[in-house]
Structures are given as C-alpha cells and as structure tokens.
Amino acid sequence: MNKFKTKIAILAMSFVSFVGVQSASALEGLSIGAAMNLSGFMAMGKETTDVAGTDQITEEEGAFDASYSSVFVEYAVSDQFSLGLERHMEDITTPTNTNLKNSSTNTVKATFKDHTTLYANINMPYNTYFKLGFNMVDIATQENLATGGSYPDVDTHGLTAGLGYNFDADNGMFIRTEISVASYDDVSATNASADGNAQKVDVTDMMGATATIRIGKSF
C-alpha cells in the first residue's frame, strides 16, 4: 500500500504544479485547498500471549483526540458531483499505553502515517453536500518491550461518510464546514519475543469522528 499511496501523492503534487501554469479556462472544474481537522478516535485492543501453551489475554478500549492539517484537490464532473483526493500533512500518534507484566514495564503506541482519502462529493440543496470516501493509512508501531521483541508495521483501509456546507466567496474562493465519521478494517500483528513466548495484538472496532474547516479555490 505504501507504493500505491506514494504514487497518488506524486500525482497530486504534479497536478498542483500543473495548475500553477495553466490558464483559467483550461482548469475549469478544478479546485484545490487546505483543511484543518479535529478528530476523535477509538478502538478495542487485545493482546494474546502464549505462555507454555496457555493463552494470557489482555483487552482494553482506548480513545483519544487529535488536530491536524490536510490538503485536497477536486474535479467537478458535473454541477452535482465531484471527485477528490485528500492527504493528511501530519502523522497522528496515539497516547502511550503502559502495562506491568511479570514485574516488567512495557510501553506501546502507534503512529498513523500517510493517511490518504479518495472521495466523492454529491451536492444537495441549500449549499450542502454529502461526502463518501475510501481511506488508506499505514500504522507504525512504537514499543519498548521487556522481552526485546517488536511488532511489525501494518496498514489498513476503511470508509468515511460526511455532511458539509459550502459558502462561495469572490474570485472562486470557497469556505466549507464539514462533519464526518470513519471506520477502519481490523488489524493484527505478531511479535516473536526473545523469550520464546509468542505475542499477538488485535485492534478492532477502529472508528473516528471529525469536524473540518476547508478553504479552497475553484477554477
């Protein structure tokens, strides 16, 4: 998935450069912009440790919030329908989880990297719109385990849906407010620790809610 998202990012940056040298008539229907986002995320985590053939299971639900910026580019297929690509400009890191196991302290956190969304906006009455998108994100684990082991990085994807209001200003500028929800596919990672006790982490029910302000320009 990394290579796929890198190609998407290169395509988007090339497009933005292209925008800068084209006439307004050649760019009709295109929009570019930036957004500020405030999100809340939650998920359920389960760690399974195989100790001498017996599973020891620890489960915990967690939630956190994060603010971050993003950039987007869109093309209006018609007056009612547009397609877009959005990419987060910042990574999102979870709080550090600390637990004591067998008199040893273990810490773990995760960073969501290169979050990319392909989406469609469907215009509705009174300057409102409905948004439906497909998310792709890499999850990099950062742990300090007493066993000396580590979990591999993983990736996931999911769906997002939202509602927004669009205000058109002068010279093609626009401001939007938007609320959306997202869900992500479950992920798992296995750590073959130095003491020979296999550990597996499953993260399920990953979801989020986001409030967004967008500023952009249409050509």
Protein backbone atom coordinates (compact mmCIF):
# COMPACT_ATOMS: atom_id res chain seq x y z
CA MET A 1 0.00 0.00 0.00
CA ASN A 2 2.93 2.37 0.62
CA LYS A 3 3.91 2.38 -3.06
CA PHE A 4 0.32 2.95 -4.14
CA LYS A 5 -0.14 5.94 -1.86
CA THR A 6 3.26 7.36 -2.84
CA LYS A 7 2.18 7.26 -6.49
CA ILE A 8 -1.05 9.03 -5.57
CA ALA A 9 0.88 11.74 -3.68
CA ILE A 10 3.29 12.27 -6.59
CA LEU A 11 0.35 12.54 -8.96
CA ALA A 12 -1.34 15.11 -6.71
CA MET A 13 1.82 17.23 -6.35
CA SER A 14 2.39 17.09 -10.10
CA PHE A 15 -1.17 18.19 -10.62
CA VAL A 16 -0.79 21.17 -8.26
CA SER A 17 2.36 22.23 -10.15
CA PHE A 18 0.43 21.87 -13.40
CA VAL A 19 -2.34 24.07 -12.01
CA GLY A 20 0.10 26.89 -11.45
CA VAL A 21 0.96 27.28 -15.14
CA GLN A 22 -2.40 26.76 -16.84
CA SER A 23 -5.00 29.28 -17.92
CA ALA A 24 -8.29 29.59 -16.06
CA SER A 25 -10.29 28.17 -18.97
CA ALA A 26 -8.11 25.05 -19.10
CA LEU A 27 -8.69 24.48 -15.38
CA GLU A 28 -12.44 24.89 -15.31
CA GLY A 29 -13.98 22.46 -12.84
CA LEU A 30 -10.81 22.01 -10.76
CA SER A 31 -10.43 23.01 -7.09
CA ILE A 32 -7.54 22.94 -4.64
CA GLY A 33 -7.47 23.74 -0.94
CA ALA A 34 -6.38 23.05 2.62
CA ALA A 35 -8.23 21.96 5.72
CA MET A 36 -7.91 21.98 9.49
CA ASN A 37 -9.34 18.93 11.22
CA LEU A 38 -10.25 17.96 14.78
CA SER A 39 -10.87 14.24 15.24
CA GLY A 40 -11.74 11.78 17.95
CA PHE A 41 -10.70 8.14 17.55
CA MET A 42 -11.48 4.95 19.44
CA ALA A 43 -10.65 1.24 19.13
CA MET A 44 -10.54 -2.03 21.05
CA GLY A 45 -7.16 -3.70 21.60
CA LYS A 46 -6.47 -7.30 22.61
CA GLU A 47 -3.06 -8.79 23.42
CA THR A 48 -2.68 -12.57 23.48
CA THR A 49 0.48 -14.08 24.98
CA ASP A 50 1.25 -17.77 24.60
CA VAL A 51 3.00 -18.85 27.81
CA ALA A 52 3.86 -22.55 27.85
CA GLY A 53 0.89 -23.35 25.63
CA THR A 54 -1.58 -21.26 27.64
CA ASP A 55 -3.06 -18.02 26.26
CA GLN A 56 -2.99 -15.00 28.55
CA ILE A 57 -5.37 -12.34 27.19
CA THR A 58 -5.48 -8.63 27.99
CA GLU A 59 -8.21 -6.43 26.47
CA GLU A 60 -8.57 -2.68 26.66
CA GLU A 61 -10.64 0.00 24.92
CA GLY A 62 -8.98 3.31 24.17
CA ALA A 63 -9.89 6.75 22.80
CA PHE A 64 -8.00 9.95 22.01
CA ASP A 65 -8.34 13.17 20.01
CA ALA A 66 -6.01 14.88 17.53
CA SER A 67 -5.86 18.03 15.41
CA TYR A 68 -4.06 18.09 12.07
CA SER A 69 -4.00 19.72 8.64
CA SER A 70 -4.64 18.25 5.20
CA VAL A 71 -4.63 19.30 1.53
CA PHE A 72 -7.04 18.30 -1.20
CA VAL A 73 -7.66 18.55 -4.94
CA GLU A 74 -11.03 18.05 -6.65
CA TYR A 75 -12.57 17.89 -10.10
CA ALA A 76 -16.23 18.74 -10.71
CA VAL A 77 -17.60 16.08 -13.02
CA SER A 78 -20.92 17.95 -13.12
CA ASP A 79 -22.79 20.61 -11.14
CA GLN A 80 -23.93 17.91 -8.70
CA PHE A 81 -20.92 15.60 -8.47
CA SER A 82 -17.17 15.99 -7.89
CA LEU A 83 -14.26 13.63 -7.22
CA GLY A 84 -11.41 14.42 -4.85
CA LEU A 85 -8.15 13.31 -3.25
CA GLU A 86 -7.11 14.35 0.26
CA ARG A 87 -3.90 13.68 2.17
CA HIS A 88 -3.01 14.41 5.79
CA MET A 89 0.04 16.65 6.16
CA GLU A 90 0.83 15.37 9.66
CA ASP A 91 1.10 11.97 11.32
CA ILE A 92 -1.29 11.10 14.16
CA THR A 93 0.20 9.36 17.19
CA THR A 94 -1.81 7.62 19.90
CA PRO A 95 -1.08 8.14 23.61
CA THR A 96 1.47 5.72 25.11
CA ASN A 97 -0.03 2.67 26.79
CA THR A 98 1.98 1.34 29.75
CA ASN A 99 1.45 -2.03 31.44
CA LEU A 100 3.29 -4.09 34.03
CA LYS A 101 3.69 -7.77 33.19
CA ASN A 102 5.81 -10.26 35.13
CA SER A 103 7.42 -7.36 37.08
CA SER A 104 8.50 -5.75 33.78
CA THR A 105 7.24 -2.46 32.32
CA ASN A 106 6.12 -2.45 28.70
CA THR A 107 5.11 0.59 26.66
CA VAL A 108 3.48 0.78 23.24
CA LYS A 109 1.98 3.42 20.96
CA ALA A 110 1.15 3.68 17.27
CA THR A 111 1.51 6.36 14.61
CA PHE A 112 -0.93 6.68 11.71
CA LYS A 113 1.08 7.76 8.68
CA ASP A 114 0.33 8.89 5.11
CA HIS A 115 -3.45 8.95 5.58
CA THR A 116 -4.98 9.31 2.11
CA THR A 117 -8.65 9.55 1.10
CA LEU A 118 -10.28 9.16 -2.29
CA TYR A 119 -13.77 10.68 -2.12
CA ALA A 120 -16.84 11.93 -3.94
CA ASN A 121 -18.96 14.97 -3.05
CA ILE A 122 -22.63 15.00 -4.02
CA ASN A 123 -24.18 18.47 -3.94
CA MET A 124 -27.57 18.85 -2.27
CA PRO A 125 -30.00 21.78 -1.76
CA TYR A 126 -29.11 24.87 0.31
CA ASN A 127 -25.35 24.66 -0.45
CA THR A 128 -24.99 21.38 1.43
CA TYR A 129 -23.23 18.24 0.21
CA PHE A 130 -22.85 14.57 1.06
CA LYS A 131 -19.36 13.04 1.12
CA LEU A 132 -18.40 9.39 0.66
CA GLY A 133 -14.77 8.25 0.67
CA PHE A 134 -12.25 5.42 0.89
CA ASN A 135 -9.40 5.79 3.43
CA MET A 136 -5.90 4.27 3.29
CA VAL A 137 -3.40 4.56 6.16
CA ASP A 138 -0.17 2.96 7.42
CA ILE A 139 0.16 2.10 11.13
CA ALA A 140 3.71 2.22 12.52
CA THR A 141 4.09 0.63 15.96
CA GLN A 142 6.47 2.06 18.55
CA GLU A 143 7.05 -0.22 21.51
CA ASN A 144 9.51 -0.86 24.31
CA LEU A 145 9.02 -4.44 25.44
CA ALA A 146 10.86 -6.15 28.25
CA THR A 147 11.32 -9.20 26.00
CA GLY A 148 13.25 -7.15 23.44
CA GLY A 149 10.76 -8.05 20.72
CA SER A 150 8.76 -5.72 18.49
CA TYR A 151 5.60 -5.70 16.41
CA PRO A 152 5.74 -5.18 12.62
CA ASP A 153 4.07 -2.19 10.99
CA VAL A 154 0.71 -2.79 9.30
CA ASP A 155 -1.70 -0.93 7.05
CA THR A 156 -5.45 -0.68 6.87
CA HIS A 157 -8.25 0.97 4.94
CA GLY A 158 -11.86 1.89 5.51
CA LEU A 159 -14.83 4.06 4.59
CA THR A 160 -15.82 7.59 5.52
CA ALA A 161 -19.09 9.49 5.15
CA GLY A 162 -19.95 13.07 5.98
CA LEU A 163 -22.14 16.14 5.53
CA GLY A 164 -20.92 19.62 4.71
CA TYR A 165 -21.94 23.20 3.96
CA ASN A 166 -20.25 25.20 1.18
CA PHE A 167 -20.03 29.00 1.07
CA ASP A 168 -18.81 30.52 -2.21
CA ALA A 169 -16.86 33.78 -1.95
CA ASP A 170 -15.38 36.06 -4.62
CA ASN A 171 -12.85 35.01 -7.27
CA GLY A 172 -13.66 31.32 -6.97
CA MET A 173 -12.73 31.09 -3.29
CA PHE A 174 -14.86 28.94 -1.00
CA ILE A 175 -15.16 28.00 2.67
CA ARG A 176 -16.68 24.74 3.87
CA THR A 177 -17.62 23.27 7.22
CA GLU A 178 -17.89 19.51 7.41
CA ILE A 179 -18.57 16.70 9.87
CA SER A 180 -17.75 13.09 9.04
CA VAL A 181 -17.39 9.62 10.53
CA ALA A 182 -15.00 6.85 9.52
CA SER A 183 -14.44 3.17 10.21
CA TYR A 184 -11.31 1.10 9.53
CA ASP A 185 -10.66 -2.59 8.97
CA ASP A 186 -9.32 -4.65 11.88
CA VAL A 187 -5.54 -5.20 12.06
CA SER A 188 -3.30 -7.69 13.86
CA ALA A 189 0.44 -8.12 14.43
CA THR A 190 2.50 -10.92 15.96
CA ASN A 191 5.68 -10.48 17.99
CA ALA A 192 8.05 -13.45 18.32
CA SER A 193 9.73 -12.34 21.54
CA ALA A 194 13.21 -13.28 22.63
CA ASP A 195 11.91 -15.45 25.47
CA GLY A 196 10.04 -17.67 23.01
CA ASN A 197 6.56 -16.58 24.14
CA ALA A 198 4.62 -15.57 21.04
CA GLN A 199 2.54 -12.40 21.45
CA LYS A 200 -0.25 -11.20 19.18
CA VAL A 201 -2.09 -7.88 19.19
CA ASP A 202 -5.51 -7.46 17.55
CA VAL A 203 -7.03 -3.99 17.11
CA THR A 204 -10.73 -3.96 16.25
CA ASP A 205 -13.67 -1.55 16.04
CA MET A 206 -11.45 1.32 14.86
CA MET A 207 -13.56 4.38 14.17
CA GLY A 208 -13.39 8.15 14.26
CA ALA A 209 -15.42 11.35 14.01
CA THR A 210 -14.06 14.57 12.50
CA ALA A 211 -15.02 18.25 12.34
CA THR A 212 -13.34 20.13 9.47
CA ILE A 213 -12.98 23.66 8.12
CA ARG A 214 -11.89 23.86 4.47
CA ILE A 215 -10.61 26.81 2.46
CA GLY A 216 -10.02 26.49 -1.27
CA LYS A 217 -10.23 27.94 -4.74
CA SER A 218 -12.20 26.73 -7.75
CA PHE A 219 -11.14 27.45 -11.32
